[in-house]
mmCIF file of all heavy atoms, coordinates in Angstrom:
data_MODEL
# 
_entry.id   MODEL 
# 
loop_
_atom_site.group_PDB 
_atom_site.id 
_atom_site.type_symbol 
_atom_site.label_atom_id 
_atom_site.label_alt_id 
_atom_site.label_comp_id 
_atom_site.label_asym_id 
_atom_site.label_entity_id 
_atom_site.label_seq_id 
_atom_site.pdbx_PDB_ins_code 
_atom_site.Cartn_x 
_atom_site.Cartn_y 
_atom_site.Cartn_z 
_atom_site.occupancy 
_atom_site.B_iso_or_equiv 
_atom_site.pdbx_formal_charge 
_atom_site.auth_seq_id 
_atom_site.auth_comp_id 
_atom_site.auth_asym_id 
_atom_site.auth_atom_id 
_atom_site.pdbx_PDB_model_num 
ATOM 1   N N   . ILE A 1 1  ? 88.567  77.646  99.461  1.00 0.00 ? 1  ILE A N   1 
ATOM 2   C CA  . ILE A 1 1  ? 89.897  77.930  98.922  1.00 0.00 ? 1  ILE A CA  1 
ATOM 3   C C   . ILE A 1 1  ? 89.974  79.357  98.399  1.00 0.00 ? 1  ILE A C   1 
ATOM 4   O O   . ILE A 1 1  ? 90.995  80.044  98.523  1.00 0.00 ? 1  ILE A O   1 
ATOM 5   C CB  . ILE A 1 1  ? 90.280  76.907  97.821  1.00 0.00 ? 1  ILE A CB  1 
ATOM 6   C CG1 . ILE A 1 1  ? 91.787  77.020  97.488  1.00 0.00 ? 1  ILE A CG1 1 
ATOM 7   C CG2 . ILE A 1 1  ? 89.464  77.124  96.580  1.00 0.00 ? 1  ILE A CG2 1 
ATOM 8   C CD1 . ILE A 1 1  ? 92.679  76.654  98.615  1.00 0.00 ? 1  ILE A CD1 1 
ATOM 9   N N   . LYS A 1 2  ? 88.872  79.868  97.830  1.00 0.00 ? 2  LYS A N   1 
ATOM 10  C CA  . LYS A 1 2  ? 88.862  81.258  97.384  1.00 0.00 ? 2  LYS A CA  1 
ATOM 11  C C   . LYS A 1 2  ? 88.877  82.209  98.579  1.00 0.00 ? 2  LYS A C   1 
ATOM 12  O O   . LYS A 1 2  ? 89.536  83.252  98.551  1.00 0.00 ? 2  LYS A O   1 
ATOM 13  C CB  . LYS A 1 2  ? 87.632  81.521  96.516  1.00 0.00 ? 2  LYS A CB  1 
ATOM 14  C CG  . LYS A 1 2  ? 87.684  80.870  95.140  1.00 0.00 ? 2  LYS A CG  1 
ATOM 15  C CD  . LYS A 1 2  ? 86.428  81.169  94.349  1.00 0.00 ? 2  LYS A CD  1 
ATOM 16  C CE  . LYS A 1 2  ? 86.465  80.491  92.976  1.00 0.00 ? 2  LYS A CE  1 
ATOM 17  N NZ  . LYS A 1 2  ? 85.225  80.749  92.198  1.00 0.00 ? 2  LYS A NZ  1 
ATOM 18  N N   . ILE A 1 3  ? 88.148  81.822  99.644  1.00 0.00 ? 3  ILE A N   1 
ATOM 19  C CA  . ILE A 1 3  ? 88.108  82.680  100.835 1.00 0.00 ? 3  ILE A CA  1 
ATOM 20  C C   . ILE A 1 3  ? 89.495  82.814  101.446 1.00 0.00 ? 3  ILE A C   1 
ATOM 21  O O   . ILE A 1 3  ? 89.965  83.923  101.739 1.00 0.00 ? 3  ILE A O   1 
ATOM 22  C CB  . ILE A 1 3  ? 87.103  82.116  101.861 1.00 0.00 ? 3  ILE A CB  1 
ATOM 23  C CG1 . ILE A 1 3  ? 85.678  82.252  101.329 1.00 0.00 ? 3  ILE A CG1 1 
ATOM 24  C CG2 . ILE A 1 3  ? 87.254  82.837  103.202 1.00 0.00 ? 3  ILE A CG2 1 
ATOM 25  C CD1 . ILE A 1 3  ? 84.631  81.616  102.234 1.00 0.00 ? 3  ILE A CD1 1 
ATOM 26  N N   . VAL A 1 4  ? 90.160  81.681  101.657 1.00 0.00 ? 4  VAL A N   1 
ATOM 27  C CA  . VAL A 1 4  ? 91.476  81.757  102.297 1.00 0.00 ? 4  VAL A CA  1 
ATOM 28  C C   . VAL A 1 4  ? 92.498  82.403  101.369 1.00 0.00 ? 4  VAL A C   1 
ATOM 29  O O   . VAL A 1 4  ? 93.422  83.079  101.832 1.00 0.00 ? 4  VAL A O   1 
ATOM 30  C CB  . VAL A 1 4  ? 91.953  80.352  102.745 1.00 0.00 ? 4  VAL A CB  1 
ATOM 31  C CG1 . VAL A 1 4  ? 91.066  79.801  103.835 1.00 0.00 ? 4  VAL A CG1 1 
ATOM 32  C CG2 . VAL A 1 4  ? 92.020  79.382  101.570 1.00 0.00 ? 4  VAL A CG2 1 
ATOM 33  N N   . THR A 1 5  ? 92.348  82.203  100.053 1.00 0.00 ? 5  THR A N   1 
ATOM 34  C CA  . THR A 1 5  ? 93.283  82.837  99.125  1.00 0.00 ? 5  THR A CA  1 
ATOM 35  C C   . THR A 1 5  ? 93.134  84.353  99.161  1.00 0.00 ? 5  THR A C   1 
ATOM 36  O O   . THR A 1 5  ? 94.127  85.089  99.223  1.00 0.00 ? 5  THR A O   1 
ATOM 37  C CB  . THR A 1 5  ? 93.064  82.321  97.696  1.00 0.00 ? 5  THR A CB  1 
ATOM 38  O OG1 . THR A 1 5  ? 93.225  80.899  97.673  1.00 0.00 ? 5  THR A OG1 1 
ATOM 39  C CG2 . THR A 1 5  ? 94.064  82.945  96.738  1.00 0.00 ? 5  THR A CG2 1 
ATOM 40  N N   . LEU A 1 6  ? 91.891  84.827  99.141  1.00 0.00 ? 6  LEU A N   1 
ATOM 41  C CA  . LEU A 1 6  ? 91.665  86.265  99.219  1.00 0.00 ? 6  LEU A CA  1 
ATOM 42  C C   . LEU A 1 6  ? 92.115  86.815  100.569 1.00 0.00 ? 6  LEU A C   1 
ATOM 43  O O   . LEU A 1 6  ? 92.736  87.885  100.644 1.00 0.00 ? 6  LEU A O   1 
ATOM 44  C CB  . LEU A 1 6  ? 90.180  86.568  98.991  1.00 0.00 ? 6  LEU A CB  1 
ATOM 45  C CG  . LEU A 1 6  ? 89.679  86.412  97.554  1.00 0.00 ? 6  LEU A CG  1 
ATOM 46  C CD1 . LEU A 1 6  ? 88.161  86.557  97.504  1.00 0.00 ? 6  LEU A CD1 1 
ATOM 47  C CD2 . LEU A 1 6  ? 90.343  87.426  96.638  1.00 0.00 ? 6  LEU A CD2 1 
ATOM 48  N N   . ALA A 1 7  ? 91.802  86.090  101.647 1.00 0.00 ? 7  ALA A N   1 
ATOM 49  C CA  . ALA A 1 7  ? 92.240  86.531  102.974 1.00 0.00 ? 7  ALA A CA  1 
ATOM 50  C C   . ALA A 1 7  ? 93.756  86.538  103.081 1.00 0.00 ? 7  ALA A C   1 
ATOM 51  O O   . ALA A 1 7  ? 94.338  87.395  103.757 1.00 0.00 ? 7  ALA A O   1 
ATOM 52  C CB  . ALA A 1 7  ? 91.635  85.625  104.051 1.00 0.00 ? 7  ALA A CB  1 
ATOM 53  N N   . THR A 1 8  ? 94.402  85.594  102.392 1.00 0.00 ? 8  THR A N   1 
ATOM 54  C CA  . THR A 1 8  ? 95.860  85.547  102.401 1.00 0.00 ? 8  THR A CA  1 
ATOM 55  C C   . THR A 1 8  ? 96.458  86.760  101.701 1.00 0.00 ? 8  THR A C   1 
ATOM 56  O O   . THR A 1 8  ? 97.536  87.236  102.065 1.00 0.00 ? 8  THR A O   1 
ATOM 57  C CB  . THR A 1 8  ? 96.342  84.249  101.716 1.00 0.00 ? 8  THR A CB  1 
ATOM 58  O OG1 . THR A 1 8  ? 95.807  83.132  102.414 1.00 0.00 ? 8  THR A OG1 1 
ATOM 59  C CG2 . THR A 1 8  ? 97.856  84.157  101.734 1.00 0.00 ? 8  THR A CG2 1 
ATOM 60  N N   . VAL A 1 9  ? 95.767  87.263  100.681 1.00 0.00 ? 9  VAL A N   1 
ATOM 61  C CA  . VAL A 1 9  ? 96.232  88.478  100.006 1.00 0.00 ? 9  VAL A CA  1 
ATOM 62  C C   . VAL A 1 9  ? 95.983  89.703  100.879 1.00 0.00 ? 9  VAL A C   1 
ATOM 63  O O   . VAL A 1 9  ? 96.817  90.608  100.976 1.00 0.00 ? 9  VAL A O   1 
ATOM 64  C CB  . VAL A 1 9  ? 95.538  88.627  98.635  1.00 0.00 ? 9  VAL A CB  1 
ATOM 65  C CG1 . VAL A 1 9  ? 95.924  89.943  97.990  1.00 0.00 ? 9  VAL A CG1 1 
ATOM 66  C CG2 . VAL A 1 9  ? 95.903  87.461  97.727  1.00 0.00 ? 9  VAL A CG2 1 
ATOM 67  N N   . VAL A 1 10 ? 94.810  89.738  101.535 1.00 0.00 ? 10 VAL A N   1 
ATOM 68  C CA  . VAL A 1 10 ? 94.447  90.911  102.346 1.00 0.00 ? 10 VAL A CA  1 
ATOM 69  C C   . VAL A 1 10 ? 95.323  91.028  103.585 1.00 0.00 ? 10 VAL A C   1 
ATOM 70  O O   . VAL A 1 10 ? 95.700  92.139  103.981 1.00 0.00 ? 10 VAL A O   1 
ATOM 71  C CB  . VAL A 1 10 ? 92.949  90.822  102.738 1.00 0.00 ? 10 VAL A CB  1 
ATOM 72  C CG1 . VAL A 1 10 ? 92.590  91.910  103.748 1.00 0.00 ? 10 VAL A CG1 1 
ATOM 73  C CG2 . VAL A 1 10 ? 92.075  90.932  101.506 1.00 0.00 ? 10 VAL A CG2 1 
ATOM 74  N N   . THR A 1 11 ? 95.648  89.889  104.202 1.00 0.00 ? 11 THR A N   1 
ATOM 75  C CA  . THR A 1 11 ? 96.368  89.923  105.486 1.00 0.00 ? 11 THR A CA  1 
ATOM 76  C C   . THR A 1 11 ? 97.692  90.671  105.411 1.00 0.00 ? 11 THR A C   1 
ATOM 77  O O   . THR A 1 11 ? 97.943  91.585  106.219 1.00 0.00 ? 11 THR A O   1 
ATOM 78  C CB  . THR A 1 11 ? 96.583  88.492  105.996 1.00 0.00 ? 11 THR A CB  1 
ATOM 79  O OG1 . THR A 1 11 ? 95.314  87.866  106.174 1.00 0.00 ? 11 THR A OG1 1 
ATOM 80  C CG2 . THR A 1 11 ? 97.330  88.499  107.327 1.00 0.00 ? 11 THR A CG2 1 
ATOM 81  N N   . PRO A 1 12 ? 98.608  90.336  104.498 1.00 0.00 ? 12 PRO A N   1 
ATOM 82  C CA  . PRO A 1 12 ? 99.868  91.090  104.461 1.00 0.00 ? 12 PRO A CA  1 
ATOM 83  C C   . PRO A 1 12 ? 99.673  92.571  104.164 1.00 0.00 ? 12 PRO A C   1 
ATOM 84  O O   . PRO A 1 12 ? 100.398 93.417  104.691 1.00 0.00 ? 12 PRO A O   1 
ATOM 85  C CB  . PRO A 1 12 ? 100.671 90.392  103.360 1.00 0.00 ? 12 PRO A CB  1 
ATOM 86  C CG  . PRO A 1 12 ? 100.065 89.050  103.214 1.00 0.00 ? 12 PRO A CG  1 
ATOM 87  C CD  . PRO A 1 12 ? 98.628  89.236  103.523 1.00 0.00 ? 12 PRO A CD  1 
ATOM 88  N N   . VAL A 1 13 ? 98.679  92.885  103.297 1.00 0.00 ? 13 VAL A N   1 
ATOM 89  C CA  . VAL A 1 13 ? 98.426  94.292  102.984 1.00 0.00 ? 13 VAL A CA  1 
ATOM 90  C C   . VAL A 1 13 ? 97.973  95.031  104.240 1.00 0.00 ? 13 VAL A C   1 
ATOM 91  O O   . VAL A 1 13 ? 98.446  96.133  104.557 1.00 0.00 ? 13 VAL A O   1 
ATOM 92  C CB  . VAL A 1 13 ? 97.384  94.418  101.864 1.00 0.00 ? 13 VAL A CB  1 
ATOM 93  C CG1 . VAL A 1 13 ? 97.052  95.886  101.609 1.00 0.00 ? 13 VAL A CG1 1 
ATOM 94  C CG2 . VAL A 1 13 ? 97.891  93.755  100.590 1.00 0.00 ? 13 VAL A CG2 1 
ATOM 95  N N   . LEU A 1 14 ? 97.024  94.421  104.978 1.00 0.00 ? 14 LEU A N   1 
ATOM 96  C CA  . LEU A 1 14 ? 96.535  95.041  106.207 1.00 0.00 ? 14 LEU A CA  1 
ATOM 97  C C   . LEU A 1 14 ? 97.643  95.154  107.245 1.00 0.00 ? 14 LEU A C   1 
ATOM 98  O O   . LEU A 1 14 ? 97.770  96.179  107.928 1.00 0.00 ? 14 LEU A O   1 
ATOM 99  C CB  . LEU A 1 14 ? 95.365  94.213  106.753 1.00 0.00 ? 14 LEU A CB  1 
ATOM 100 C CG  . LEU A 1 14 ? 94.664  94.776  108.006 1.00 0.00 ? 14 LEU A CG  1 
ATOM 101 C CD1 . LEU A 1 14 ? 94.138  96.179  107.745 1.00 0.00 ? 14 LEU A CD1 1 
ATOM 102 C CD2 . LEU A 1 14 ? 93.545  93.843  108.441 1.00 0.00 ? 14 LEU A CD2 1 
ATOM 103 N N   . LEU A 1 15 ? 98.453  94.096  107.345 1.00 0.00 ? 15 LEU A N   1 
ATOM 104 C CA  . LEU A 1 15 ? 99.571  94.154  108.288 1.00 0.00 ? 15 LEU A CA  1 
ATOM 105 C C   . LEU A 1 15 ? 100.563 95.240  107.894 1.00 0.00 ? 15 LEU A C   1 
ATOM 106 O O   . LEU A 1 15 ? 101.158 95.901  108.754 1.00 0.00 ? 15 LEU A O   1 
ATOM 107 C CB  . LEU A 1 15 ? 100.282 92.793  108.338 1.00 0.00 ? 15 LEU A CB  1 
ATOM 108 C CG  . LEU A 1 15 ? 99.608  91.720  109.183 1.00 0.00 ? 15 LEU A CG  1 
ATOM 109 C CD1 . LEU A 1 15 ? 100.325 90.388  109.007 1.00 0.00 ? 15 LEU A CD1 1 
ATOM 110 C CD2 . LEU A 1 15 ? 99.599  92.111  110.639 1.00 0.00 ? 15 LEU A CD2 1 
ATOM 111 N N   . LEU A 1 16 ? 100.754 95.422  106.600 1.00 0.00 ? 16 LEU A N   1 
ATOM 112 C CA  . LEU A 1 16 ? 101.662 96.466  106.130 1.00 0.00 ? 16 LEU A CA  1 
ATOM 113 C C   . LEU A 1 16 ? 101.154 97.845  106.553 1.00 0.00 ? 16 LEU A C   1 
ATOM 114 O O   . LEU A 1 16 ? 101.912 98.673  107.065 1.00 0.00 ? 16 LEU A O   1 
ATOM 115 C CB  . LEU A 1 16 ? 101.789 96.387  104.611 1.00 0.00 ? 16 LEU A CB  1 
ATOM 116 C CG  . LEU A 1 16 ? 102.871 97.243  103.947 1.00 0.00 ? 16 LEU A CG  1 
ATOM 117 C CD1 . LEU A 1 16 ? 104.247 96.834  104.414 1.00 0.00 ? 16 LEU A CD1 1 
ATOM 118 C CD2 . LEU A 1 16 ? 102.770 97.136  102.429 1.00 0.00 ? 16 LEU A CD2 1 
ATOM 119 N N   . VAL A 1 17 ? 99.856  98.070  106.376 1.00 0.00 ? 17 VAL A N   1 
ATOM 120 C CA  . VAL A 1 17 ? 99.264  99.360  106.760 1.00 0.00 ? 17 VAL A CA  1 
ATOM 121 C C   . VAL A 1 17 ? 99.368  99.557  108.277 1.00 0.00 ? 17 VAL A C   1 
ATOM 122 O O   . VAL A 1 17 ? 99.736  100.643 108.761 1.00 0.00 ? 17 VAL A O   1 
ATOM 123 C CB  . VAL A 1 17 ? 97.800  99.427  106.294 1.00 0.00 ? 17 VAL A CB  1 
ATOM 124 C CG1 . VAL A 1 17 ? 97.124  100.690 106.830 1.00 0.00 ? 17 VAL A CG1 1 
ATOM 125 C CG2 . VAL A 1 17 ? 97.723  99.386  104.777 1.00 0.00 ? 17 VAL A CG2 1 
ATOM 126 N N   . ILE A 1 18 ? 99.043  98.516  109.034 1.00 0.00 ? 18 ILE A N   1 
ATOM 127 C CA  . ILE A 1 18 ? 99.089  98.621  110.498 1.00 0.00 ? 18 ILE A CA  1 
ATOM 128 C C   . ILE A 1 18 ? 100.513 98.874  110.976 1.00 0.00 ? 18 ILE A C   1 
ATOM 129 O O   . ILE A 1 18 ? 100.754 99.702  111.874 1.00 0.00 ? 18 ILE A O   1 
ATOM 130 C CB  . ILE A 1 18 ? 98.516  97.336  111.126 1.00 0.00 ? 18 ILE A CB  1 
ATOM 131 C CG1 . ILE A 1 18 ? 97.017  97.248  110.859 1.00 0.00 ? 18 ILE A CG1 1 
ATOM 132 C CG2 . ILE A 1 18 ? 98.792  97.294  112.620 1.00 0.00 ? 18 ILE A CG2 1 
ATOM 133 C CD1 . ILE A 1 18 ? 96.385  95.947  111.332 1.00 0.00 ? 18 ILE A CD1 1 
ATOM 134 N N   . THR A 1 19 ? 101.464 98.182  110.379 1.00 0.00 ? 19 THR A N   1 
ATOM 135 C CA  . THR A 1 19 ? 102.855 98.344  110.802 1.00 0.00 ? 19 THR A CA  1 
ATOM 136 C C   . THR A 1 19 ? 103.351 99.757  110.530 1.00 0.00 ? 19 THR A C   1 
ATOM 137 O O   . THR A 1 19 ? 104.060 100.353 111.365 1.00 0.00 ? 19 THR A O   1 
ATOM 138 C CB  . THR A 1 19 ? 103.742 97.322  110.076 1.00 0.00 ? 19 THR A CB  1 
ATOM 139 O OG1 . THR A 1 19 ? 103.226 96.010  110.263 1.00 0.00 ? 19 THR A OG1 1 
ATOM 140 C CG2 . THR A 1 19 ? 105.162 97.356  110.628 1.00 0.00 ? 19 THR A CG2 1 
ATOM 141 N N   . ILE A 1 20 ? 102.993 100.308 109.383 1.00 0.00 ? 20 ILE A N   1 
ATOM 142 C CA  . ILE A 1 20 ? 103.379 101.695 109.087 1.00 0.00 ? 20 ILE A CA  1 
ATOM 143 C C   . ILE A 1 20 ? 102.758 102.644 110.106 1.00 0.00 ? 20 ILE A C   1 
ATOM 144 O O   . ILE A 1 20 ? 103.396 103.590 110.588 1.00 0.00 ? 20 ILE A O   1 
ATOM 145 C CB  . ILE A 1 20 ? 102.969 102.061 107.646 1.00 0.00 ? 20 ILE A CB  1 
ATOM 146 C CG1 . ILE A 1 20 ? 103.775 101.230 106.639 1.00 0.00 ? 20 ILE A CG1 1 
ATOM 147 C CG2 . ILE A 1 20 ? 103.175 103.546 107.391 1.00 0.00 ? 20 ILE A CG2 1 
ATOM 148 C CD1 . ILE A 1 20 ? 103.347 101.428 105.202 1.00 0.00 ? 20 ILE A CD1 1 
ATOM 149 N N   . GLY A 1 21 ? 101.480 102.392 110.463 1.00 0.00 ? 21 GLY A N   1 
ATOM 150 C CA  . GLY A 1 21 ? 100.837 103.219 111.478 1.00 0.00 ? 21 GLY A CA  1 
ATOM 151 C C   . GLY A 1 21 ? 101.526 103.114 112.825 1.00 0.00 ? 21 GLY A C   1 
ATOM 152 O O   . GLY A 1 21 ? 101.678 104.117 113.540 1.00 0.00 ? 21 GLY A O   1 
ATOM 153 N N   . LEU A 1 22 ? 101.957 101.902 113.196 1.00 0.00 ? 22 LEU A N   1 
ATOM 154 C CA  . LEU A 1 22 ? 102.665 101.730 114.471 1.00 0.00 ? 22 LEU A CA  1 
ATOM 155 C C   . LEU A 1 22 ? 104.015 102.423 114.453 1.00 0.00 ? 22 LEU A C   1 
ATOM 156 O O   . LEU A 1 22 ? 104.468 102.945 115.485 1.00 0.00 ? 22 LEU A O   1 
ATOM 157 C CB  . LEU A 1 22 ? 102.834 100.235 114.769 1.00 0.00 ? 22 LEU A CB  1 
ATOM 158 C CG  . LEU A 1 22 ? 101.545 99.473  115.105 1.00 0.00 ? 22 LEU A CG  1 
ATOM 159 C CD1 . LEU A 1 22 ? 101.851 97.992  115.296 1.00 0.00 ? 22 LEU A CD1 1 
ATOM 160 C CD2 . LEU A 1 22 ? 100.894 100.035 116.365 1.00 0.00 ? 22 LEU A CD2 1 
ATOM 161 N N   . LEU A 1 23 ? 104.682 102.417 113.300 1.00 0.00 ? 23 LEU A N   1 
ATOM 162 C CA  . LEU A 1 23 ? 105.962 103.132 113.208 1.00 0.00 ? 23 LEU A CA  1 
ATOM 163 C C   . LEU A 1 23 ? 105.765 104.625 113.458 1.00 0.00 ? 23 LEU A C   1 
ATOM 164 O O   . LEU A 1 23 ? 106.583 105.273 114.113 1.00 0.00 ? 23 LEU A O   1 
ATOM 165 C CB  . LEU A 1 23 ? 106.592 102.898 111.835 1.00 0.00 ? 23 LEU A CB  1 
ATOM 166 C CG  . LEU A 1 23 ? 107.274 101.547 111.624 1.00 0.00 ? 23 LEU A CG  1 
ATOM 167 C CD1 . LEU A 1 23 ? 107.749 101.417 110.181 1.00 0.00 ? 23 LEU A CD1 1 
ATOM 168 C CD2 . LEU A 1 23 ? 108.459 101.396 112.568 1.00 0.00 ? 23 LEU A CD2 1 
ATOM 169 N N   . ARG A 1 24 ? 104.679 105.155 112.926 1.00 0.00 ? 24 ARG A N   1 
ATOM 170 C CA  . ARG A 1 24 ? 104.398 106.578 113.175 1.00 0.00 ? 24 ARG A CA  1 
ATOM 171 C C   . ARG A 1 24 ? 104.077 106.845 114.637 1.00 0.00 ? 24 ARG A C   1 
ATOM 172 O O   . ARG A 1 24 ? 104.312 107.948 115.139 1.00 0.00 ? 24 ARG A O   1 
ATOM 173 C CB  . ARG A 1 24 ? 103.235 107.024 112.292 1.00 0.00 ? 24 ARG A CB  1 
ATOM 174 C CG  . ARG A 1 24 ? 103.566 107.035 110.799 1.00 0.00 ? 24 ARG A CG  1 
ATOM 175 C CD  . ARG A 1 24 ? 102.383 107.501 109.978 1.00 0.00 ? 24 ARG A CD  1 
ATOM 176 N NE  . ARG A 1 24 ? 102.716 107.584 108.556 1.00 0.00 ? 24 ARG A NE  1 
ATOM 177 C CZ  . ARG A 1 24 ? 101.848 107.946 107.611 1.00 0.00 ? 24 ARG A CZ  1 
ATOM 178 N NH1 . ARG A 1 24 ? 100.602 108.264 107.947 1.00 0.00 ? 24 ARG A NH1 1 
ATOM 179 N NH2 . ARG A 1 24 ? 102.237 108.003 106.350 1.00 0.00 ? 24 ARG A NH2 1 
ATOM 180 N N   . LYS A 1 25 ? 103.553 105.828 115.326 1.00 0.00 ? 25 LYS A N   1 
ATOM 181 C CA  . LYS A 1 25 ? 103.266 105.977 116.745 1.00 0.00 ? 25 LYS A CA  1 
ATOM 182 C C   . LYS A 1 25 ? 104.509 105.777 117.611 1.00 0.00 ? 25 LYS A C   1 
ATOM 183 O O   . LYS A 1 25 ? 104.445 105.935 118.832 1.00 0.00 ? 25 LYS A O   1 
ATOM 184 C CB  . LYS A 1 25 ? 102.197 104.960 117.169 1.00 0.00 ? 25 LYS A CB  1 
ATOM 185 C CG  . LYS A 1 25 ? 100.808 105.220 116.597 1.00 0.00 ? 25 LYS A CG  1 
ATOM 186 C CD  . LYS A 1 25 ? 99.857  104.088 116.979 1.00 0.00 ? 25 LYS A CD  1 
ATOM 187 C CE  . LYS A 1 25 ? 98.442  104.348 116.477 1.00 0.00 ? 25 LYS A CE  1 
ATOM 188 N NZ  . LYS A 1 25 ? 97.776  105.396 117.267 1.00 0.00 ? 25 LYS A NZ  1 
ATOM 189 N N   . GLY A 1 26 ? 105.622 105.391 116.971 1.00 0.00 ? 26 GLY A N   1 
ATOM 190 C CA  . GLY A 1 26 ? 106.869 105.210 117.717 1.00 0.00 ? 26 GLY A CA  1 
ATOM 191 C C   . GLY A 1 26 ? 107.091 103.826 118.283 1.00 0.00 ? 26 GLY A C   1 
ATOM 192 O O   . GLY A 1 26 ? 107.915 103.640 119.181 1.00 0.00 ? 26 GLY A O   1 
ATOM 193 N N   . VAL A 1 27 ? 106.355 102.816 117.780 1.00 0.00 ? 27 VAL A N   1 
ATOM 194 C CA  . VAL A 1 27 ? 106.550 101.433 118.235 1.00 0.00 ? 27 VAL A CA  1 
ATOM 195 C C   . VAL A 1 27 ? 107.778 100.865 117.524 1.00 0.00 ? 27 VAL A C   1 
ATOM 196 O O   . VAL A 1 27 ? 107.751 100.616 116.313 1.00 0.00 ? 27 VAL A O   1 
ATOM 197 C CB  . VAL A 1 27 ? 105.304 100.572 117.947 1.00 0.00 ? 27 VAL A CB  1 
ATOM 198 C CG1 . VAL A 1 27 ? 105.513 99.140  118.432 1.00 0.00 ? 27 VAL A CG1 1 
ATOM 199 C CG2 . VAL A 1 27 ? 104.079 101.188 118.606 1.00 0.00 ? 27 VAL A CG2 1 
# 
């Protein structure tokens, strides 16, 4: 439960960073 909770916090943050990077790439 701690693993999935921590992963649940990390996932949106990582997706946020990736999405910003894709926007800069013109996606």
